[in-house]
PDB file of N, CA and C in Angstrom:
ATOM      1  N   GLN A   1       0.853  -1.202   0.020  1.00  0.00           N
ATOM      2  CA  GLN A   1       0.021   0.008  -0.012  1.00  0.00           C
ATOM      3  C   GLN A   1       0.896   1.271  -0.009  1.00  0.00           C
ATOM      4  N   LEU A   2       0.604   2.120  -0.960  1.00  0.00           N
ATOM      5  CA  LEU A   2       1.409   3.336  -1.057  1.00  0.00           C
ATOM      6  C   LEU A   2       0.994   4.316   0.070  1.00  0.00           C
ATOM      7  N   GLN A   3       2.023   4.852   0.725  1.00  0.00           N
ATOM      8  CA  GLN A   3       1.723   5.772   1.775  1.00  0.00           C
ATOM      9  C   GLN A   3       2.747   6.884   1.837  1.00  0.00           C
ATOM     10  N   LEU A   4       2.309   8.100   2.036  1.00  0.00           N
ATOM     11  CA  LEU A   4       3.187   9.254   2.190  1.00  0.00           C
ATOM     12  C   LEU A   4       2.778   9.992   3.433  1.00  0.00           C
ATOM     13  N   VAL A   5       3.730  10.391   4.219  1.00  0.00           N
ATOM     14  CA  VAL A   5       3.382  11.125   5.456  1.00  0.00           C
ATOM     15  C   VAL A   5       4.339  12.333   5.595  1.00  0.00           C
ATOM     16  N   GLU A   6       3.763  13.522   5.705  1.00  0.00           N
ATOM     17  CA  GLU A   6       4.522  14.704   5.834  1.00  0.00           C
ATOM     18  C   GLU A   6       4.801  15.020   7.312  1.00  0.00           C
ATOM     19  N   SER A   7       5.856  15.671   7.619  1.00  0.00           N
ATOM     20  CA  SER A   7       6.122  16.148   8.958  1.00  0.00           C
ATOM     21  C   SER A   7       7.014  17.388   8.929  1.00  0.00           C
ATOM     22  N   GLY A   8       7.162  18.079  10.054  1.00  0.00           N
ATOM     23  CA  GLY A   8       8.040  19.253  10.114  1.00  0.00           C
ATOM     24  C   GLY A   8       7.314  20.543  10.039  1.00  0.00           C
ATOM     25  N   GLY A   9       6.058  20.529   9.900  1.00  0.00           N
ATOM     26  CA  GLY A   9       5.345  21.816   9.907  1.00  0.00           C
ATOM     27  C   GLY A   9       5.281  22.468  11.310  1.00  0.00           C
ATOM     28  N   GLY A  10       4.774  23.702  11.363  1.00  0.00           N
ATOM     29  CA  GLY A  10       4.637  24.311  12.684  1.00  0.00           C
ATOM     30  C   GLY A  10       4.485  25.842  12.537  1.00  0.00           C
ATOM     31  N   LEU A  11       4.637  26.457  13.616  1.00  0.00           N
ATOM     32  CA  LEU A  11       4.553  27.922  13.677  1.00  0.00           C
ATOM     33  C   LEU A  11       5.914  28.541  13.659  1.00  0.00           C
ATOM     34  N   VAL A  12       6.150  29.479  12.744  1.00  0.00           N
ATOM     35  CA  VAL A  12       7.428  30.157  12.633  1.00  0.00           C
ATOM     36  C   VAL A  12       7.270  31.614  12.398  1.00  0.00           C
ATOM     37  N   GLN A  13       8.175  32.433  12.848  1.00  0.00           N
ATOM     38  CA  GLN A  13       8.105  33.854  12.611  1.00  0.00           C
ATOM     39  C   GLN A  13       8.576  34.211  11.189  1.00  0.00           C
ATOM     40  N   PRO A  14       8.130  35.317  10.668  1.00  0.00           N
ATOM     41  CA  PRO A  14       8.566  35.719   9.345  1.00  0.00           C
ATOM     42  C   PRO A  14      10.095  35.798   9.293  1.00  0.00           C
ATOM     43  N   GLY A  15      10.669  35.297   8.181  1.00  0.00           N
ATOM     44  CA  GLY A  15      12.091  35.229   8.010  1.00  0.00           C
ATOM     45  C   GLY A  15      12.682  33.969   8.549  1.00  0.00           C
ATOM     46  N   GLY A  16      11.921  33.158   9.234  1.00  0.00           N
ATOM     47  CA  GLY A  16      12.444  31.885   9.783  1.00  0.00           C
ATOM     48  C   GLY A  16      12.472  30.801   8.775  1.00  0.00           C
ATOM     49  N   SER A  17      12.860  29.590   9.259  1.00  0.00           N
ATOM     50  CA  SER A  17      13.042  28.399   8.391  1.00  0.00           C
ATOM     51  C   SER A  17      12.348  27.195   8.994  1.00  0.00           C
ATOM     52  N   LEU A  18      11.951  26.319   8.057  1.00  0.00           N
ATOM     53  CA  LEU A  18      11.404  24.991   8.464  1.00  0.00           C
ATOM     54  C   LEU A  18      11.905  24.034   7.396  1.00  0.00           C
ATOM     55  N   ARG A  19      12.074  22.802   7.828  1.00  0.00           N
ATOM     56  CA  ARG A  19      12.344  21.724   6.868  1.00  0.00           C
ATOM     57  C   ARG A  19      11.192  20.721   6.970  1.00  0.00           C
ATOM     58  N   LEU A  20      10.480  20.560   5.867  1.00  0.00           N
ATOM     59  CA  LEU A  20       9.452  19.576   5.774  1.00  0.00           C
ATOM     60  C   LEU A  20      10.043  18.262   5.292  1.00  0.00           C
ATOM     61  N   SER A  21       9.516  17.167   5.835  1.00  0.00           N
ATOM     62  CA  SER A  21       9.947  15.846   5.405  1.00  0.00           C
ATOM     63  C   SER A  21       8.724  15.075   4.914  1.00  0.00           C
ATOM     64  N   CYS A  22       8.971  14.256   3.886  1.00  0.00           N
ATOM     65  CA  CYS A  22       7.960  13.365   3.388  1.00  0.00           C
ATOM     66  C   CYS A  22       8.524  11.968   3.436  1.00  0.00           C
ATOM     67  N   ALA A  23       7.877  11.162   4.273  1.00  0.00           N
ATOM     68  CA  ALA A  23       8.322   9.752   4.416  1.00  0.00           C
ATOM     69  C   ALA A  23       7.361   8.850   3.539  1.00  0.00           C
ATOM     70  N   LEU A  24       8.001   8.052   2.688  1.00  0.00           N
ATOM     71  CA  LEU A  24       7.278   7.208   1.782  1.00  0.00           C
ATOM     72  C   LEU A  24       7.450   5.728   2.126  1.00  0.00           C
ATOM     73  N   SER A  25       6.374   4.994   1.982  1.00  0.00           N
ATOM     74  CA  SER A  25       6.455   3.548   2.278  1.00  0.00           C
ATOM     75  C   SER A  25       5.500   2.807   1.360  1.00  0.00           C
ATOM     76  N   GLY A  26       5.788   1.545   1.169  1.00  0.00           N
ATOM     77  CA  GLY A  26       4.967   0.706   0.334  1.00  0.00           C
ATOM     78  C   GLY A  26       5.291   0.704  -1.115  1.00  0.00           C
ATOM     79  N   PHE A  27       6.360   1.495  -1.494  1.00  0.00           N
ATOM     80  CA  PHE A  27       6.805   1.433  -2.910  1.00  0.00           C
ATOM     81  C   PHE A  27       8.222   1.964  -2.973  1.00  0.00           C
ATOM     82  N   THR A  28       8.862   1.789  -4.104  1.00  0.00           N
ATOM     83  CA  THR A  28      10.260   2.183  -4.298  1.00  0.00           C
ATOM     84  C   THR A  28      10.303   3.605  -4.770  1.00  0.00           C
ATOM     85  N   LEU A  29      10.868   4.481  -3.894  1.00  0.00           N
ATOM     86  CA  LEU A  29      10.878   5.899  -4.206  1.00  0.00           C
ATOM     87  C   LEU A  29      11.457   6.238  -5.562  1.00  0.00           C
ATOM     88  N   ASN A  30      12.517   5.465  -5.948  1.00  0.00           N
ATOM     89  CA  ASN A  30      13.252   5.872  -7.160  1.00  0.00           C
ATOM     90  C   ASN A  30      12.437   5.604  -8.456  1.00  0.00           C
ATOM     91  N   ASN A  31      11.172   5.099  -8.330  1.00  0.00           N
ATOM     92  CA  ASN A  31      10.307   4.996  -9.479  1.00  0.00           C
ATOM     93  C   ASN A  31       9.344   6.173  -9.633  1.00  0.00           C
ATOM     94  N   TYR A  32       9.490   7.143  -8.692  1.00  0.00           N
ATOM     95  CA  TYR A  32       8.561   8.235  -8.635  1.00  0.00           C
ATOM     96  C   TYR A  32       9.230   9.581  -8.644  1.00  0.00           C
ATOM     97  N   ALA A  33       8.685  10.496  -9.417  1.00  0.00           N
ATOM     98  CA  ALA A  33       8.916  11.914  -9.157  1.00  0.00           C
ATOM     99  C   ALA A  33       8.070  12.350  -7.994  1.00  0.00           C
ATOM    100  N   ILE A  34       8.468  13.375  -7.301  1.00  0.00           N
ATOM    101  CA  ILE A  34       7.802  13.825  -6.096  1.00  0.00           C
ATOM    102  C   ILE A  34       7.532  15.320  -6.215  1.00  0.00           C
ATOM    103  N   GLY A  35       6.336  15.666  -5.794  1.00  0.00           N
ATOM    104  CA  GLY A  35       5.951  17.116  -5.765  1.00  0.00           C
ATOM    105  C   GLY A  35       5.554  17.521  -4.366  1.00  0.00           C
ATOM    106  N   TRP A  36       5.795  18.829  -4.130  1.00  0.00           N
ATOM    107  CA  TRP A  36       5.232  19.442  -2.938  1.00  0.00           C
ATOM    108  C   TRP A  36       4.154  20.477  -3.387  1.00  0.00           C
ATOM    109  N   PHE A  37       3.076  20.475  -2.704  1.00  0.00           N
ATOM    110  CA  PHE A  37       1.938  21.367  -3.022  1.00  0.00           C
ATOM    111  C   PHE A  37       1.535  22.041  -1.690  1.00  0.00           C
ATOM    112  N   ARG A  38       0.765  23.124  -1.815  1.00  0.00           N
ATOM    113  CA  ARG A  38       0.236  23.777  -0.633  1.00  0.00           C
ATOM    114  C   ARG A  38      -1.100  24.320  -0.913  1.00  0.00           C
ATOM    115  N   GLN A  39      -1.890  24.452   0.086  1.00  0.00           N
ATOM    116  CA  GLN A  39      -3.261  25.029  -0.034  1.00  0.00           C
ATOM    117  C   GLN A  39      -3.517  25.855   1.167  1.00  0.00           C
ATOM    118  N   ALA A  40      -3.773  27.157   0.936  1.00  0.00           N
ATOM    119  CA  ALA A  40      -4.135  28.085   1.995  1.00  0.00           C
ATOM    120  C   ALA A  40      -5.632  28.177   2.076  1.00  0.00           C
ATOM    121  N   PRO A  41      -6.188  28.564   3.222  1.00  0.00           N
ATOM    122  CA  PRO A  41      -7.643  28.662   3.361  1.00  0.00           C
ATOM    123  C   PRO A  41      -8.267  29.546   2.286  1.00  0.00           C
ATOM    124  N   GLY A  42      -9.272  29.064   1.639  1.00  0.00           N
ATOM    125  CA  GLY A  42      -9.965  29.841   0.610  1.00  0.00           C
ATOM    126  C   GLY A  42      -9.271  29.928  -0.708  1.00  0.00           C
ATOM    127  N   LYS A  43      -8.126  29.256  -0.832  1.00  0.00           N
ATOM    128  CA  LYS A  43      -7.389  29.322  -2.075  1.00  0.00           C
ATOM    129  C   LYS A  43      -7.272  27.935  -2.708  1.00  0.00           C
ATOM    130  N   GLU A  44      -6.931  27.935  -3.989  1.00  0.00           N
ATOM    131  CA  GLU A  44      -6.735  26.653  -4.733  1.00  0.00           C
ATOM    132  C   GLU A  44      -5.387  26.097  -4.318  1.00  0.00           C
ATOM    133  N   ARG A  45      -5.253  24.751  -4.485  1.00  0.00           N
ATOM    134  CA  ARG A  45      -4.045  24.119  -4.235  1.00  0.00           C
ATOM    135  C   ARG A  45      -2.969  24.583  -5.292  1.00  0.00           C
ATOM    136  N   GLU A  46      -1.759  24.826  -4.764  1.00  0.00           N
ATOM    137  CA  GLU A  46      -0.709  25.386  -5.611  1.00  0.00           C
ATOM    138  C   GLU A  46       0.489  24.452  -5.611  1.00  0.00           C
ATOM    139  N   GLY A  47       1.043  24.219  -6.837  1.00  0.00           N
ATOM    140  CA  GLY A  47       2.248  23.440  -6.922  1.00  0.00           C
ATOM    141  C   GLY A  47       3.474  24.280  -6.436  1.00  0.00           C
ATOM    142  N   VAL A  48       4.225  23.764  -5.529  1.00  0.00           N
ATOM    143  CA  VAL A  48       5.346  24.536  -4.919  1.00  0.00           C
ATOM    144  C   VAL A  48       6.658  24.122  -5.586  1.00  0.00           C
ATOM    145  N   SER A  49       6.887  22.842  -5.689  1.00  0.00           N
ATOM    146  CA  SER A  49       8.172  22.342  -6.205  1.00  0.00           C
ATOM    147  C   SER A  49       8.008  20.880  -6.611  1.00  0.00           C
ATOM    148  N   CYS A  50       8.916  20.427  -7.467  1.00  0.00           N
ATOM    149  CA  CYS A  50       8.934  19.015  -7.769  1.00  0.00           C
ATOM    150  C   CYS A  50      10.401  18.583  -8.010  1.00  0.00           C
ATOM    151  N   ILE A  51      10.612  17.295  -7.878  1.00  0.00           N
ATOM    152  CA  ILE A  51      11.989  16.760  -8.135  1.00  0.00           C
ATOM    153  C   ILE A  51      11.852  15.470  -8.951  1.00  0.00           C
ATOM    154  N   SER A  52      12.691  15.276  -9.902  1.00  0.00           N
ATOM    155  CA  SER A  52      12.639  14.100 -10.767  1.00  0.00           C
ATOM    156  C   SER A  52      13.103  12.827 -10.032  1.00  0.00           C
ATOM    157  N   ARG A  53      12.914  11.728 -10.654  1.00  0.00           N
ATOM    158  CA  ARG A  53      13.317  10.419 -10.095  1.00  0.00           C
ATOM    159  C   ARG A  53      14.809  10.393  -9.712  1.00  0.00           C
ATOM    160  N   SER A  54      15.602  10.953 -10.600  1.00  0.00           N
ATOM    161  CA  SER A  54      17.073  10.917 -10.384  1.00  0.00           C
ATOM    162  C   SER A  54      17.485  12.002  -9.401  1.00  0.00           C
ATOM    163  N   GLY A  55      16.644  12.975  -9.181  1.00  0.00           N
ATOM    164  CA  GLY A  55      17.049  14.088  -8.341  1.00  0.00           C
ATOM    165  C   GLY A  55      17.805  15.179  -9.062  1.00  0.00           C
ATOM    166  N   ALA A  56      18.103  14.903 -10.383  1.00  0.00           N
ATOM    167  CA  ALA A  56      18.884  15.853 -11.169  1.00  0.00           C
ATOM    168  C   ALA A  56      18.117  17.092 -11.580  1.00  0.00           C
ATOM    169  N   VAL A  57      16.808  16.942 -11.595  1.00  0.00           N
ATOM    170  CA  VAL A  57      15.914  18.067 -12.088  1.00  0.00           C
ATOM    171  C   VAL A  57      14.939  18.451 -10.985  1.00  0.00           C
ATOM    172  N   SER A  58      14.804  19.732 -10.754  1.00  0.00           N
ATOM    173  CA  SER A  58      13.799  20.219  -9.840  1.00  0.00           C
ATOM    174  C   SER A  58      13.276  21.569 -10.363  1.00  0.00           C
ATOM    175  N   THR A  59      12.031  21.850 -10.021  1.00  0.00           N
ATOM    176  CA  THR A  59      11.409  23.130 -10.406  1.00  0.00           C
ATOM    177  C   THR A  59      10.773  23.750  -9.186  1.00  0.00           C
ATOM    178  N   TYR A  60      10.567  25.025  -9.313  1.00  0.00           N
ATOM    179  CA  TYR A  60       9.938  25.780  -8.164  1.00  0.00           C
ATOM    180  C   TYR A  60       8.965  26.831  -8.709  1.00  0.00           C
ATOM    181  N   ALA A  61       7.943  27.018  -7.888  1.00  0.00           N
ATOM    182  CA  ALA A  61       7.021  28.133  -8.215  1.00  0.00           C
ATOM    183  C   ALA A  61       7.785  29.481  -8.059  1.00  0.00           C
ATOM    184  N   ASP A  62       7.433  30.410  -8.865  1.00  0.00           N
ATOM    185  CA  ASP A  62       8.079  31.706  -8.796  1.00  0.00           C
ATOM    186  C   ASP A  62       8.030  32.304  -7.384  1.00  0.00           C
ATOM    187  N   SER A  63       6.938  32.018  -6.652  1.00  0.00           N
ATOM    188  CA  SER A  63       6.767  32.614  -5.367  1.00  0.00           C
ATOM    189  C   SER A  63       7.733  32.075  -4.278  1.00  0.00           C
ATOM    190  N   VAL A  64       8.374  30.944  -4.604  1.00  0.00           N
ATOM    191  CA  VAL A  64       9.256  30.380  -3.574  1.00  0.00           C
ATOM    192  C   VAL A  64      10.712  30.213  -4.103  1.00  0.00           C
ATOM    193  N   LYS A  65      10.895  30.536  -5.393  1.00  0.00           N
ATOM    194  CA  LYS A  65      12.249  30.391  -5.958  1.00  0.00           C
ATOM    195  C   LYS A  65      13.253  31.215  -5.195  1.00  0.00           C
ATOM    196  N   GLY A  66      14.406  30.548  -4.910  1.00  0.00           N
ATOM    197  CA  GLY A  66      15.449  31.192  -4.181  1.00  0.00           C
ATOM    198  C   GLY A  66      15.355  31.059  -2.673  1.00  0.00           C
ATOM    199  N   ARG A  67      14.156  30.587  -2.217  1.00  0.00           N
ATOM    200  CA  ARG A  67      13.945  30.493  -0.749  1.00  0.00           C
ATOM    201  C   ARG A  67      13.745  29.028  -0.345  1.00  0.00           C
ATOM    202  N   PHE A  68      13.128  28.192  -1.230  1.00  0.00           N
ATOM    203  CA  PHE A  68      12.855  26.778  -0.925  1.00  0.00           C
ATOM    204  C   PHE A  68      13.808  25.952  -1.725  1.00  0.00           C
ATOM    205  N   THR A  69      14.178  24.782  -1.126  1.00  0.00           N
ATOM    206  CA  THR A  69      14.985  23.795  -1.817  1.00  0.00           C
ATOM    207  C   THR A  69      14.433  22.398  -1.570  1.00  0.00           C
ATOM    208  N   ILE A  70      14.199  21.673  -2.698  1.00  0.00           N
ATOM    209  CA  ILE A  70      13.697  20.322  -2.620  1.00  0.00           C
ATOM    210  C   ILE A  70      14.863  19.377  -2.708  1.00  0.00           C
ATOM    211  N   SER A  71      14.798  18.246  -2.055  1.00  0.00           N
ATOM    212  CA  SER A  71      15.828  17.212  -2.136  1.00  0.00           C
ATOM    213  C   SER A  71      15.231  15.860  -1.839  1.00  0.00           C
ATOM    214  N   ARG A  72      15.975  14.850  -2.210  1.00  0.00           N
ATOM    215  CA  ARG A  72      15.483  13.513  -1.980  1.00  0.00           C
ATOM    216  C   ARG A  72      16.600  12.551  -1.564  1.00  0.00           C
ATOM    217  N   ASP A  73      16.253  11.564  -0.774  1.00  0.00           N
ATOM    218  CA  ASP A  73      17.218  10.489  -0.404  1.00  0.00           C
ATOM    219  C   ASP A  73      16.528   9.173  -0.715  1.00  0.00           C
ATOM    220  N   ASN A  74      16.867   8.661  -1.924  1.00  0.00           N
ATOM    221  CA  ASN A  74      16.155   7.436  -2.349  1.00  0.00           C
ATOM    222  C   ASN A  74      16.444   6.244  -1.431  1.00  0.00           C
ATOM    223  N   ALA A  75      17.659   6.251  -0.892  1.00  0.00           N
ATOM    224  CA  ALA A  75      17.996   5.122   0.006  1.00  0.00           C
ATOM    225  C   ALA A  75      17.154   5.093   1.277  1.00  0.00           C
ATOM    226  N   LYS A  76      16.736   6.281   1.692  1.00  0.00           N
ATOM    227  CA  LYS A  76      15.952   6.384   2.954  1.00  0.00           C
ATOM    228  C   LYS A  76      14.468   6.522   2.629  1.00  0.00           C
ATOM    229  N   ASN A  77      14.100   6.585   1.342  1.00  0.00           N
ATOM    230  CA  ASN A  77      12.705   6.816   0.965  1.00  0.00           C
ATOM    231  C   ASN A  77      12.129   8.078   1.594  1.00  0.00           C
ATOM    232  N   MET A  78      12.942   9.116   1.515  1.00  0.00           N
ATOM    233  CA  MET A  78      12.572  10.454   2.102  1.00  0.00           C
ATOM    234  C   MET A  78      12.757  11.550   1.079  1.00  0.00           C
ATOM    235  N   VAL A  79      11.865  12.518   1.159  1.00  0.00           N
ATOM    236  CA  VAL A  79      12.024  13.724   0.349  1.00  0.00           C
ATOM    237  C   VAL A  79      11.821  14.905   1.321  1.00  0.00           C
ATOM    238  N   TYR A  80      12.560  15.974   1.045  1.00  0.00           N
ATOM    239  CA  TYR A  80      12.562  17.105   1.952  1.00  0.00           C
ATOM    240  C   TYR A  80      12.250  18.379   1.178  1.00  0.00           C
ATOM    241  N   LEU A  81      11.725  19.399   1.926  1.00  0.00           N
ATOM    242  CA  LEU A  81      11.527  20.732   1.420  1.00  0.00           C
ATOM    243  C   LEU A  81      12.132  21.646   2.450  1.00  0.00           C
ATOM    244  N   GLN A  82      13.251  22.243   2.197  1.00  0.00           N
ATOM    245  CA  GLN A  82      13.851  23.228   3.018  1.00  0.00           C
ATOM    246  C   GLN A  82      13.282  24.602   2.677  1.00  0.00           C
ATOM    247  N   MET A  83      12.705  25.227   3.668  1.00  0.00           N
ATOM    248  CA  MET A  83      12.028  26.492   3.454  1.00  0.00           C
ATOM    249  C   MET A  83      12.716  27.600   4.296  1.00  0.00           C
ATOM    250  N   ASN A  84      13.334  28.537   3.649  1.00  0.00           N
ATOM    251  CA  ASN A  84      14.018  29.640   4.291  1.00  0.00           C
ATOM    252  C   ASN A  84      13.321  30.944   3.930  1.00  0.00           C
ATOM    253  N   GLY A  85      13.549  31.965   4.716  1.00  0.00           N
ATOM    254  CA  GLY A  85      12.957  33.261   4.408  1.00  0.00           C
ATOM    255  C   GLY A  85      11.466  33.217   4.377  1.00  0.00           C
ATOM    256  N   LEU A  86      10.863  32.509   5.297  1.00  0.00           N
ATOM    257  CA  LEU A  86       9.415  32.334   5.167  1.00  0.00           C
ATOM    258  C   LEU A  86       8.701  33.624   5.390  1.00  0.00           C
ATOM    259  N   LYS A  87       7.560  33.697   4.706  1.00  0.00           N
ATOM    260  CA  LYS A  87       6.688  34.866   4.657  1.00  0.00           C
ATOM    261  C   LYS A  87       5.266  34.497   5.088  1.00  0.00           C
ATOM    262  N   PRO A  88       4.491  35.441   5.630  1.00  0.00           N
ATOM    263  CA  PRO A  88       3.158  35.120   5.982  1.00  0.00           C
ATOM    264  C   PRO A  88       2.376  34.454   4.900  1.00  0.00           C
ATOM    265  N   GLU A  89       2.567  34.859   3.682  1.00  0.00           N
ATOM    266  CA  GLU A  89       1.869  34.266   2.537  1.00  0.00           C
ATOM    267  C   GLU A  89       2.284  32.802   2.231  1.00  0.00           C
ATOM    268  N   ASP A  90       3.265  32.279   2.887  1.00  0.00           N
ATOM    269  CA  ASP A  90       3.598  30.911   2.786  1.00  0.00           C
ATOM    270  C   ASP A  90       2.716  30.021   3.663  1.00  0.00           C
ATOM    271  N   THR A  91       1.937  30.618   4.535  1.00  0.00           N
ATOM    272  CA  THR A  91       1.027  29.924   5.436  1.00  0.00           C
ATOM    273  C   THR A  91       0.072  29.043   4.616  1.00  0.00           C
ATOM    274  N   ALA A  92       0.025  27.738   4.913  1.00  0.00           N
ATOM    275  CA  ALA A  92      -0.775  26.807   4.150  1.00  0.00           C
ATOM    276  C   ALA A  92      -0.611  25.408   4.744  1.00  0.00           C
ATOM    277  N   VAL A  93      -1.451  24.501   4.278  1.00  0.00           N
ATOM    278  CA  VAL A  93      -1.181  23.067   4.522  1.00  0.00           C
ATOM    279  C   VAL A  93      -0.333  22.609   3.354  1.00  0.00           C
ATOM    280  N   TYR A  94       0.788  21.955   3.668  1.00  0.00           N
ATOM    281  CA  TYR A  94       1.674  21.481   2.640  1.00  0.00           C
ATOM    282  C   TYR A  94       1.569  19.929   2.489  1.00  0.00           C
ATOM    283  N   TYR A  95       1.510  19.549   1.233  1.00  0.00           N
ATOM    284  CA  TYR A  95       1.319  18.120   0.877  1.00  0.00           C
ATOM    285  C   TYR A  95       2.494  17.694   0.000  1.00  0.00           C
ATOM    286  N   CYS A  96       2.901  16.418   0.205  1.00  0.00           N
ATOM    287  CA  CYS A  96       3.792  15.801  -0.775  1.00  0.00           C
ATOM    288  C   CYS A  96       2.981  14.749  -1.573  1.00  0.00           C
ATOM    289  N   ALA A  97       3.376  14.504  -2.772  1.00  0.00           N
ATOM    290  CA  ALA A  97       2.669  13.612  -3.669  1.00  0.00           C
ATOM    291  C   ALA A  97       3.646  12.884  -4.574  1.00  0.00           C
ATOM    292  N   ALA A  98       3.255  11.691  -4.980  1.00  0.00           N
ATOM    293  CA  ALA A  98       4.124  10.832  -5.813  1.00  0.00           C
ATOM    294  C   ALA A  98       3.539  10.661  -7.212  1.00  0.00           C
ATOM    295  N   ASP A  99       4.399  10.733  -8.199  1.00  0.00           N
ATOM    296  CA  ASP A  99       4.015  10.618  -9.587  1.00  0.00           C
ATOM    297  C   ASP A  99       4.842   9.469 -10.179  1.00  0.00           C
ATOM    298  N   PHE A 100       4.221   8.347 -10.504  1.00  0.00           N
ATOM    299  CA  PHE A 100       4.911   7.249 -11.125  1.00  0.00           C
ATOM    300  C   PHE A 100       5.247   7.661 -12.597  1.00  0.00           C
ATOM    301  N   THR A 101       6.547   7.618 -12.916  1.00  0.00           N
ATOM    302  CA  THR A 101       6.940   8.099 -14.207  1.00  0.00           C
ATOM    303  C   THR A 101       8.096   7.318 -14.727  1.00  0.00           C
ATOM    304  N   ILE A 102       8.219   7.140 -16.038  1.00  0.00           N
ATOM    305  CA  ILE A 102       9.329   6.458 -16.644  1.00  0.00           C
ATOM    306  C   ILE A 102      10.575   7.347 -16.699  1.00  0.00           C
ATOM    307  N   SER A 103      10.393   8.636 -16.892  1.00  0.00           N
ATOM    308  CA  SER A 103      11.515   9.526 -17.071  1.00  0.00           C
ATOM    309  C   SER A 103      12.292   9.768 -15.755  1.00  0.00           C
ATOM    310  N   GLN A 104      13.607   9.748 -15.918  1.00  0.00           N
ATOM    311  CA  GLN A 104      14.499  10.018 -14.793  1.00  0.00           C
ATOM    312  C   GLN A 104      14.691  11.557 -14.597  1.00  0.00           C
ATOM    313  N   PHE A 105      14.307  12.306 -15.683  1.00  0.00           N
ATOM    314  CA  PHE A 105      14.731  13.742 -15.657  1.00  0.00           C
ATOM    315  C   PHE A 105      13.648  14.670 -15.895  1.00  0.00           C
ATOM    316  N   LEU A 106      12.425  14.272 -15.549  1.00  0.00           N
ATOM    317  CA  LEU A 106      11.303  15.207 -15.700  1.00  0.00           C
ATOM    318  C   LEU A 106      10.510  15.223 -14.382  1.00  0.00           C
ATOM    319  N   CYS A 107       9.877  16.317 -14.074  1.00  0.00           N
ATOM    320  CA  CYS A 107       8.905  16.325 -13.010  1.00  0.00           C
ATOM    321  C   CYS A 107       7.888  17.442 -13.382  1.00  0.00           C
ATOM    322  N   THR A 108       6.795  17.457 -12.683  1.00  0.00           N
ATOM    323  CA  THR A 108       5.708  18.401 -12.913  1.00  0.00           C
ATOM    324  C   THR A 108       5.097  18.817 -11.553  1.00  0.00           C
ATOM    325  N   THR A 109       4.474  19.932 -11.631  1.00  0.00           N
ATOM    326  CA  THR A 109       3.654  20.336 -10.482  1.00  0.00           C
ATOM    327  C   THR A 109       2.172  20.467 -10.860  1.00  0.00           C
ATOM    328  N   THR A 110       1.809  19.708 -11.923  1.00  0.00           N
ATOM    329  CA  THR A 110       0.401  19.517 -12.240  1.00  0.00           C
ATOM    330  C   THR A 110      -0.223  18.478 -11.398  1.00  0.00           C
ATOM    331  N   SER A 111      -1.089  18.908 -10.515  1.00  0.00           N
ATOM    332  CA  SER A 111      -1.548  17.972  -9.464  1.00  0.00           C
ATOM    333  C   SER A 111      -2.254  16.719 -10.042  1.00  0.00           C
ATOM    334  N   GLY A 112      -2.914  16.848 -11.177  1.00  0.00           N
ATOM    335  CA  GLY A 112      -3.566  15.654 -11.778  1.00  0.00           C
ATOM    336  C   GLY A 112      -2.691  14.565 -12.110  1.00  0.00           C
ATOM    337  N   GLU A 113      -1.356  14.802 -12.264  1.00  0.00           N
ATOM    338  CA  GLU A 113      -0.450  13.759 -12.654  1.00  0.00           C
ATOM    339  C   GLU A 113      -0.021  12.900 -11.466  1.00  0.00           C
ATOM    340  N   PHE A 114      -0.422  13.220 -10.286  1.00  0.00           N
ATOM    341  CA  PHE A 114       0.106  12.576  -9.059  1.00  0.00           C
ATOM    342  C   PHE A 114      -0.854  11.479  -8.590  1.00  0.00           C
ATOM    343  N   ASP A 115      -0.290  10.330  -8.240  1.00  0.00           N
ATOM    344  CA  ASP A 115      -1.039   9.173  -7.945  1.00  0.00           C
ATOM    345  C   ASP A 115      -1.393   9.021  -6.465  1.00  0.00           C
ATOM    346  N   SER A 116      -0.514   9.476  -5.636  1.00  0.00           N
ATOM    347  CA  SER A 116      -0.683   9.304  -4.213  1.00  0.00           C
ATOM    348  C   SER A 116      -0.313  10.573  -3.471  1.00  0.00           C
ATOM    349  N   TRP A 117      -1.031  10.830  -2.388  1.00  0.00           N
ATOM    350  CA  TRP A 117      -0.847  12.014  -1.636  1.00  0.00           C
ATOM    351  C   TRP A 117      -0.781  11.741  -0.137  1.00  0.00           C
ATOM    352  N   GLY A 118      -0.010  12.607   0.524  1.00  0.00           N
ATOM    353  CA  GLY A 118      -0.032  12.540   1.988  1.00  0.00           C
ATOM    354  C   GLY A 118      -1.154  13.375   2.606  1.00  0.00           C
ATOM    355  N   PRO A 119      -1.352  13.285   3.915  1.00  0.00           N
ATOM    356  CA  PRO A 119      -2.456  13.999   4.572  1.00  0.00           C
ATOM    357  C   PRO A 119      -2.177  15.472   4.762  1.00  0.00           C
ATOM    358  N   GLY A 120      -0.887  15.876   4.680  1.00  0.00           N
ATOM    359  CA  GLY A 120      -0.574  17.299   4.834  1.00  0.00           C
ATOM    360  C   GLY A 120      -0.017  17.662   6.196  1.00  0.00           C
ATOM    361  N   THR A 121       0.764  18.746   6.204  1.00  0.00           N
ATOM    362  CA  THR A 121       1.261  19.263   7.492  1.00  0.00           C
ATOM    363  C   THR A 121       1.043  20.812   7.419  1.00  0.00           C
ATOM    364  N   GLN A 122       0.664  21.382   8.523  1.00  0.00           N
ATOM    365  CA  GLN A 122       0.319  22.787   8.565  1.00  0.00           C
ATOM    366  C   GLN A 122       1.604  23.601   8.826  1.00  0.00           C
ATOM    367  N   VAL A 123       1.763  24.639   8.002  1.00  0.00           N
ATOM    368  CA  VAL A 123       2.822  25.615   8.140  1.00  0.00           C
ATOM    369  C   VAL A 123       2.139  26.983   8.383  1.00  0.00           C
ATOM    370  N   THR A 124       2.514  27.648   9.505  1.00  0.00           N
ATOM    371  CA  THR A 124       1.962  28.911   9.811  1.00  0.00           C
ATOM    372  C   THR A 124       3.114  29.908  10.037  1.00  0.00           C
ATOM    373  N   VAL A 125       3.123  30.979   9.311  1.00  0.00           N
ATOM    374  CA  VAL A 125       4.170  31.989   9.389  1.00  0.00           C
ATOM    375  C   VAL A 125       3.507  33.292   9.962  1.00  0.00           C
ATOM    376  N   SER A 126       3.872  33.608  11.199  1.00  0.00           N
ATOM    377  CA  SER A 126       3.192  34.696  11.834  1.00  0.00           C
ATOM    378  C   SER A 126       4.104  35.220  12.997  1.00  0.00           C
ATOM    379  N   SER A 127       3.997  36.501  13.240  1.00  0.00           N
ATOM    380  CA  SER A 127       4.694  37.067  14.353  1.00  0.00           C
ATOM    381  C   SER A 127       3.797  37.132  15.591  1.00  0.00           C
TER     382      SER A 127
END
């Protein structure tokens, strides 16, 4: 059974940092590209970042570029999202998701491409 579980969310002051983790079980991580998404109250789900199966390719939403970094450890079945310089507008529930794909060097933040999702972790940026 495919399962993803996010952790690492919490309350942080503006300018602070958090590292989100996504633990995957029930499948081999290196067969999947992984995406991070977020959804704020009253807003649509937004693709934040993705990383290819090989880890060689990653993309970021313009709103987080230069502040967030995605990474993966296939041996540990873990994916991470390092978030620095957090802003109040980053407040949202953050989700990781898995996309079964043949390509080693592509990823997407189109949510419909993703097969499995975690339950989410809340990130709140406030003073």
